Protein backbone atom coordinates (compact mmCIF):
# COMPACT_ATOMS: atom_id res chain seq x y z
CA MET A 1 59.39 -30.17 -14.46
CA TRP A 2 59.38 -26.30 -14.57
CA LEU A 3 55.78 -26.39 -15.91
CA LEU A 4 54.68 -28.95 -13.22
CA SER A 5 56.36 -26.79 -10.58
CA ASN A 6 54.54 -23.56 -11.60
CA LEU A 7 51.14 -25.42 -11.99
CA PHE A 8 51.54 -26.58 -8.41
CA LYS A 9 52.48 -23.10 -7.12
CA ALA A 10 49.51 -21.49 -8.87
CA GLN A 11 47.07 -23.62 -6.93
CA TRP A 12 48.17 -22.12 -3.49
CA VAL A 13 46.66 -18.80 -2.26
CA ASP A 14 48.50 -16.32 -0.09
CA ILE A 15 45.63 -13.79 0.62
CA ILE A 16 42.17 -14.62 2.03
CA ARG A 17 39.84 -11.67 1.16
CA TRP A 18 36.49 -10.82 -0.44
CA GLU A 19 37.50 -8.58 -3.21
CA ASN A 20 34.81 -6.34 -4.61
CA PRO A 21 31.92 -7.64 -2.92
CA SER A 22 28.67 -7.88 -5.19
CA SER A 23 25.94 -5.56 -4.12
CA GLN A 24 23.61 -8.43 -4.36
CA THR A 25 25.25 -10.79 -2.21
CA LEU A 26 25.08 -11.13 1.53
CA VAL A 27 27.31 -14.15 2.37
CA TRP A 28 30.21 -15.35 0.20
CA LYS A 29 32.49 -18.35 0.57
CA PHE A 30 36.28 -18.08 -0.09
CA PRO A 31 36.66 -20.32 -2.93
CA GLN A 32 39.56 -22.37 -1.81
CA ASN A 33 39.64 -24.90 0.92
CA LEU A 34 42.55 -24.39 3.39
CA ASP A 35 44.67 -27.11 1.86
CA GLN A 36 45.37 -24.55 -0.85
CA ILE A 37 46.28 -21.78 1.49
CA GLU A 38 49.82 -21.04 2.65
CA ASN A 39 50.76 -20.90 6.27
CA ASN A 40 51.97 -17.39 5.82
CA SER A 41 48.95 -16.10 4.09
CA SER A 42 47.26 -12.81 5.08
CA LEU A 43 43.60 -12.45 6.13
CA ILE A 44 41.98 -9.26 5.15
CA VAL A 45 38.68 -8.17 6.49
CA ASP A 46 37.37 -5.01 4.85
CA PRO A 47 35.09 -2.55 6.60
CA TRP A 48 31.32 -3.64 7.15
CA LEU A 49 32.37 -7.36 6.67
CA ALA A 50 33.03 -10.16 9.11
CA SER A 51 34.93 -13.58 8.43
CA ILE A 52 33.71 -16.98 9.68
CA PHE A 53 36.13 -19.91 10.06
CA ILE A 54 34.36 -23.17 9.53
CA HIS A 55 36.11 -26.49 10.37
CA ASN A 56 34.21 -29.63 9.73
CA TRP A 57 30.98 -27.92 9.25
CA LYS A 58 31.32 -25.96 12.62
CA ILE A 59 32.05 -22.50 13.46
CA GLU A 60 35.48 -22.34 15.10
CA ALA A 61 35.84 -18.43 15.20
CA ILE A 62 34.31 -15.27 13.91
CA GLN A 63 36.43 -12.11 13.04
CA GLN A 64 34.34 -8.81 12.84
CA GLU A 65 37.34 -6.27 13.35
CA SER A 66 38.56 -4.73 9.98
CA TRP A 67 42.16 -5.26 9.47
CA LYS A 68 45.03 -7.26 7.69
CA TRP A 69 46.53 -10.05 9.73
CA SER A 70 49.39 -12.54 8.90
CA LEU A 71 48.36 -16.09 9.57
CA GLU A 72 52.14 -16.60 10.73
CA THR A 73 52.57 -13.86 13.23
CA ASP A 74 49.38 -12.58 14.47
CA ASN A 75 48.03 -14.46 17.61
CA ILE A 76 44.26 -13.79 18.00
CA PRO A 77 41.51 -16.61 18.50
CA PHE A 78 40.44 -16.42 14.89
CA LEU A 79 43.82 -16.75 13.32
CA SER A 80 45.06 -19.20 15.97
CA SER A 81 42.26 -21.51 15.11
CA LEU A 82 43.03 -21.25 11.49
CA LYS A 83 46.73 -21.89 11.92
CA ASN A 84 46.25 -24.94 14.13
CA VAL A 85 44.13 -26.57 11.47
CA MET A 86 46.65 -25.67 8.59
CA SER A 87 49.68 -26.86 10.47
CA GLY A 88 48.42 -30.45 10.94
CA PHE A 89 46.06 -30.45 7.88
CA GLU A 90 44.75 -33.81 6.81
CA THR A 91 42.84 -34.42 3.77
CA HIS A 92 39.62 -35.68 5.17
CA ASP A 93 39.24 -32.37 7.14
CA LYS A 94 37.06 -29.59 5.74
CA ALA A 95 37.80 -26.08 6.59
CA GLN A 96 36.59 -23.03 4.82
CA VAL A 97 36.37 -19.20 5.34
CA PHE A 98 33.12 -17.43 4.72
CA PHE A 99 32.55 -13.61 4.55
CA ILE A 100 29.30 -12.00 5.61
CA LYS A 101 28.06 -8.45 5.26
CA THR A 102 27.51 -6.69 8.67
CA ASN A 103 26.27 -3.36 7.44
CA GLN A 104 22.58 -2.44 7.00
CA VAL A 105 21.19 -3.30 3.67
CA SER A 106 19.11 -0.48 2.66
CA ASN A 107 16.90 0.61 -0.32
CA ASN A 108 14.98 -2.58 -0.57
CA LYS A 109 11.64 -1.59 -2.54
CA TRP A 110 8.72 -3.97 -2.58
CA GLY A 111 4.94 -3.89 -2.73
CA THR A 112 1.74 -6.08 -2.32
CA PRO A 113 1.41 -8.36 -5.29
CA ASN A 114 -2.27 -8.81 -4.35
CA PRO A 115 -4.78 -5.98 -3.02
CA ILE A 116 -5.24 -5.53 0.72
CA THR A 117 -9.01 -5.59 1.46
CA TYR A 118 -11.14 -4.03 4.33
CA ILE A 119 -14.33 -2.22 4.88
CA ASP A 120 -14.23 1.68 4.87
CA PRO A 121 -15.32 2.66 8.50
CA VAL A 122 -17.21 5.78 7.30
CA TYR A 123 -18.67 4.93 3.81
CA ASP A 124 -19.16 1.29 4.36
CA PHE A 125 -17.58 -0.13 1.11
CA PRO A 126 -14.85 -2.46 0.37
CA VAL A 127 -11.44 -0.66 0.24
CA GLU A 128 -8.91 -2.45 -2.12
CA LEU A 129 -5.31 -1.00 -2.04
CA ARG A 130 -1.69 -1.80 -2.79
CA ALA A 131 1.08 -0.56 -0.68
CA PHE A 132 4.52 0.00 -1.81
CA TRP A 133 7.41 0.30 0.80
CA ASN A 134 11.22 0.70 1.21
CA PHE A 135 13.06 -1.12 4.05
CA THR A 136 16.34 -1.73 5.60
CA PHE A 137 17.66 -4.78 7.44
CA GLN A 138 20.79 -6.27 8.73
CA VAL A 139 22.02 -9.62 10.26
CA SER A 140 21.57 -9.35 14.03
CA ASP A 141 23.45 -12.47 15.10
CA ILE A 142 26.35 -13.67 12.60
CA GLU A 143 26.83 -17.05 14.27
CA LYS A 144 23.20 -18.01 14.64
CA PHE A 145 22.28 -16.73 11.30
CA TRP A 146 25.03 -18.76 9.61
CA VAL A 147 23.64 -22.00 11.40
CA TRP A 148 20.05 -21.16 10.73
CA TYR A 149 20.22 -20.00 7.26
CA VAL A 150 23.70 -20.24 5.44
CA ALA A 151 24.77 -23.86 6.54
CA ASN A 152 27.84 -24.10 4.11
CA ARG A 153 26.08 -22.62 1.15
CA GLU A 154 28.81 -21.19 -0.88
CA GLU A 155 26.81 -17.90 -1.51
CA VAL A 156 23.56 -16.32 -0.10
CA SER A 157 21.93 -13.46 -2.06
CA ILE A 158 20.30 -10.41 -0.66
CA ASP A 159 17.34 -11.08 -2.70
CA SER A 160 16.67 -14.61 -0.96
CA VAL A 161 16.86 -12.86 2.54
CA ARG A 162 14.73 -9.93 1.20
CA MET A 163 11.89 -12.47 0.28
CA ILE A 164 11.91 -13.84 3.79
CA ILE A 165 11.40 -10.50 5.12
CA VAL A 166 8.79 -9.57 2.51
CA ASP A 167 6.74 -12.72 3.22
CA ARG A 168 6.33 -11.69 6.78
CA LEU A 169 5.85 -7.96 6.21
CA MET A 170 2.89 -8.63 3.68
CA TRP A 171 0.50 -10.47 6.04
CA GLN A 172 1.55 -7.99 9.06
CA ILE A 173 0.70 -4.88 6.94
CA ALA A 174 -2.62 -6.37 5.60
CA SER A 175 -3.45 -7.19 9.44
CA ILE A 176 -2.77 -3.67 10.52
CA PHE A 177 -4.89 -2.02 7.86
CA GLY A 178 -7.60 -4.41 8.67
CA LYS A 179 -7.42 -3.60 12.35
CA LYS A 180 -7.20 0.15 12.10
CA ARG A 181 -9.95 0.41 9.44
CA ILE A 182 -8.82 3.95 8.33
CA THR A 183 -11.28 5.72 5.87
CA TYR A 184 -9.79 5.97 2.25
CA ASN A 185 -9.31 9.75 2.14
CA GLU A 186 -7.27 9.68 5.44
CA ILE A 187 -4.90 6.80 4.75
CA ASP A 188 -1.98 9.13 3.45
CA ALA A 189 -1.98 11.00 6.78
CA HIS A 190 -1.48 7.65 8.65
CA THR A 191 1.22 5.97 6.70
CA PHE A 192 3.94 7.11 9.26
CA ASP A 193 1.95 5.67 12.08
CA ILE A 194 1.44 2.29 10.26
CA SER A 195 5.20 2.09 9.46
CA LYS A 196 6.09 2.49 13.11
CA GLU A 197 3.43 0.07 14.17
CA LEU A 198 4.65 -2.49 11.67
CA MET A 199 8.26 -2.29 12.82
CA GLU A 200 7.10 -2.71 16.40
CA ALA A 201 4.75 -5.71 15.62
CA THR A 202 7.59 -7.63 13.60
CA LYS A 203 10.52 -6.92 15.82
CA ASP A 204 10.35 -10.21 17.84
CA GLU A 205 9.55 -12.27 14.86
CA PHE A 206 12.77 -11.17 12.90
CA TRP A 207 14.93 -11.47 15.82
CA LYS A 208 13.96 -15.20 15.76
CA LEU A 209 15.40 -15.35 12.34
CA TRP A 210 18.52 -13.41 13.51
CA LEU A 211 17.55 -10.45 11.27
CA GLU A 212 16.65 -6.90 12.46
CA LEU A 213 14.32 -4.45 10.36
CA THR A 214 16.10 -1.16 11.12
CA ASP A 215 13.93 1.05 8.77
CA PHE A 216 10.46 0.69 7.11
CA ARG A 217 8.62 3.44 5.12
CA ILE A 218 5.49 3.24 3.04
CA GLU A 219 6.24 5.30 0.00
CA ASP A 220 2.98 5.02 -2.05
CA ILE A 221 -0.54 3.55 -1.81
CA ASN A 222 -2.73 2.92 -4.92
CA PHE A 223 -6.30 1.92 -5.09
CA THR A 224 -7.57 -0.69 -7.41
CA GLU A 225 -9.91 0.30 -10.20
CA LYS A 226 -12.97 -0.99 -8.30
CA THR A 227 -12.20 1.23 -5.39
CA GLU A 228 -11.58 4.14 -7.61
CA ASP A 229 -15.08 3.86 -8.94
CA PHE A 230 -16.42 3.92 -5.26
CA ILE A 231 -14.42 6.92 -4.51
CA ALA A 232 -15.66 8.80 -7.72
CA LYS A 233 -19.25 8.00 -6.72
CA ILE A 234 -18.84 9.30 -3.26
CA THR A 235 -17.04 12.40 -4.57
CA SER A 236 -19.92 13.02 -6.90
CA LYS A 237 -22.61 12.62 -4.19
CA SER A 238 -20.63 14.80 -1.74
CA ALA A 239 -20.64 17.51 -4.30
CA ASP A 240 -24.46 17.19 -4.81
CA VAL A 241 -24.93 17.47 -1.11
CA GLN A 242 -22.79 20.65 -0.89
CA ALA A 243 -24.58 22.22 -3.90
CA ILE A 244 -28.02 21.41 -2.32
CA ASN A 245 -26.86 22.88 0.93
CA LYS A 246 -25.89 26.09 -0.56
CA THR A 247 -29.49 26.37 -2.14
CA ALA A 248 -30.78 26.70 1.33
CA GLY A 249 -30.22 30.43 1.31
CA ALA A 250 -31.27 31.12 -2.21
CA SER A 251 -34.45 33.03 -2.93
CA GLN A 252 -37.44 31.40 -4.50
CA LYS A 253 -37.09 33.83 -7.47
CA ALA A 254 -33.61 32.73 -8.04
CA MET A 255 -34.66 29.15 -7.98
CA GLU A 256 -37.27 29.86 -10.44
CA ASN A 257 -34.96 31.52 -12.91
CA TYR A 258 -32.59 28.65 -12.53
CA SER A 259 -35.36 26.28 -13.29
CA GLN A 260 -36.21 28.12 -16.63
CA ILE A 261 -32.74 28.11 -17.70
CA GLU A 262 -32.26 24.32 -17.09
CA LYS A 263 -35.73 23.66 -18.99
CA LEU A 264 -34.11 25.49 -21.94
CA ASN A 265 -30.95 23.45 -21.66
CA ILE A 266 -32.90 20.19 -21.46
CA ALA A 267 -34.89 21.21 -24.54
CA TRP A 268 -31.74 22.21 -26.45
CA LYS A 269 -30.01 18.95 -25.70
CA ALA A 270 -33.18 17.02 -26.48
CA ALA A 271 -33.17 18.64 -29.88
CA GLU A 272 -29.56 17.93 -30.56
CA SER A 273 -29.43 14.26 -29.40
CA GLY A 274 -32.91 13.04 -30.21
CA TRP A 275 -33.98 12.33 -26.79
CA ALA A 276 -36.96 10.07 -26.44
CA ALA A 277 -40.17 11.43 -24.71
CA TRP A 278 -39.51 9.27 -21.70
CA ASP A 279 -35.94 10.72 -21.07
CA MET A 280 -37.70 14.22 -21.48
CA MET A 281 -40.26 13.24 -18.88
CA TRP A 282 -37.67 12.09 -16.28
CA ALA A 283 -35.60 15.14 -16.94
CA GLY A 284 -38.73 17.46 -15.95
CA ILE A 285 -39.51 15.32 -13.11
CA TRP A 286 -35.81 15.81 -11.85
CA MET A 287 -36.17 19.36 -12.31
CA ALA A 288 -39.47 19.53 -10.47
CA MET A 289 -37.90 17.58 -7.49
CA TRP A 290 -35.03 20.09 -7.51
CA MET A 291 -37.18 23.09 -7.57
CA ASN A 292 -39.37 21.73 -4.63
CA MET A 293 -36.39 20.94 -2.55
CA GLY A 294 -34.73 24.34 -3.12
CA LYS A 295 -38.23 25.95 -2.25
CA GLN A 296 -38.45 24.03 0.95
CA MET A 297 -34.94 24.81 1.95
CA SER A 298 -35.55 28.41 1.22
CA GLU A 299 -38.84 28.74 3.08
CA GLY A 300 -37.32 26.62 5.99
CA ASN A 301 -34.33 29.09 6.37
CA THR A 302 -35.89 32.45 6.04
CA SER A 303 -36.48 34.29 9.27
CA GLU A 304 -39.86 35.68 8.04
CA GLN A 305 -42.07 32.77 7.08
CA THR A 306 -44.19 33.29 3.78
CA PRO A 307 -47.93 33.21 4.73
CA PRO A 308 -49.76 30.33 3.47
CA PRO A 309 -51.69 30.58 0.30
CA GLU A 310 -55.32 31.52 0.52
CA LYS A 311 -57.82 28.50 0.42
CA GLN A 312 -59.17 28.03 -3.19
CA THR A 313 -62.79 28.42 -3.66
CA VAL A 314 -65.15 25.62 -5.15
CA GLU A 315 -65.22 27.62 -8.46
CA GLN A 316 -61.41 27.85 -8.55
CA LYS A 317 -61.08 24.12 -7.77
CA LEU A 318 -63.47 23.26 -10.62
CA GLU A 319 -61.55 25.58 -13.10
CA LYS A 320 -58.35 23.97 -12.24
CA LEU A 321 -59.88 20.42 -12.70
CA LYS A 322 -61.25 21.36 -16.04
CA TRP A 323 -57.86 22.64 -17.25
CA LEU A 324 -56.07 19.31 -16.20
CA LEU A 325 -58.95 17.48 -18.14
CA GLU A 326 -58.47 19.67 -21.33
CA LYS A 327 -54.67 19.25 -21.21
CA GLU A 328 -55.21 15.41 -20.95
CA LEU A 329 -53.42 15.33 -17.71
CA ILE A 330 -56.12 13.41 -15.94
CA SER A 331 -58.81 11.11 -17.40
CA LYS A 332 -62.52 11.72 -17.90
CA GLU A 333 -63.15 9.24 -15.00
CA ASP A 334 -60.76 11.03 -12.69
CA TYR A 335 -62.38 14.28 -13.57
CA ASP A 336 -65.83 13.17 -12.83
CA LYS A 337 -64.82 11.52 -9.55
CA LYS A 338 -62.87 14.65 -8.38
CA LYS A 339 -65.61 17.03 -9.56
CA SER A 340 -68.10 15.05 -7.34
CA GLU A 341 -65.87 15.50 -4.29
CA ILE A 342 -65.57 19.30 -4.94
CA LEU A 343 -69.26 19.62 -5.29
CA SER A 344 -69.83 17.72 -2.06
CA GLU A 345 -68.20 20.52 -0.06
CA LEU A 346 -71.12 23.00 -0.95
């Protein structure tokens, strides 16, 4: 008899409280139904929590004020509803107490699983990037959120709500990047503006879910390997352009000296690596183009224009033509044809 009495007593609960709330839980149901709660029990609502009284799957009352109340002595709507059910409790009734966090849930880190793609407005290449962000949210309407999402689930994890938010953030942030079309090297300077714009764009949508996004920050942006390759090429070409622009003020003598040094470098590398004649030829052509470009820039930027060279005589033209033939730079047929043209000038 003593054992049976103690077993029955152990099934009764005298304190309704969410003790040591898990950091990963947003909504938690008190594990006992009200037929296991004594009439003189205490309800404790800790700071940043609200308690919800559910009777036959409907919300009877919500208590958001942090305090400790006695179900026997206090007379407030929440406790009155609770006591009224307990005083005439029938086994077919269903009555529970839920607790829900009302504070802002912060430090939610996430990122785009797939790259966001848009065309760079300046360099006209496809930018592919991944954005990583940190956001804060809270439940904006306890009653409507419980009806919309909780619906008598015994526990709701923060991660499940986080995923609802993330799903909507991802397509919004992709849309904003696509519309703004910021060139790749200016994205970091616009992350704050993009964050503000995204919060404004999603405000109404989250209110429909009875959630509020209270903070959103883009913490990092990474480009894909394909985009990094494009950026490397652009950087290399930009450096070439700057180098060419700097040669505009160089003298022709300086360009010639530079040419001689580069020719020696080409010959040295050819000897070391065993370059084929084809590679040597293209290296020489590249150097000739560089010299010609530098000469044109130098001549075009000097205040005193270099006088044009004197017109060659027929004899000089024939000597040059013969030299080209002896060096096998032109064929005998080309030599005869050009020779006839020069002699026709007489």
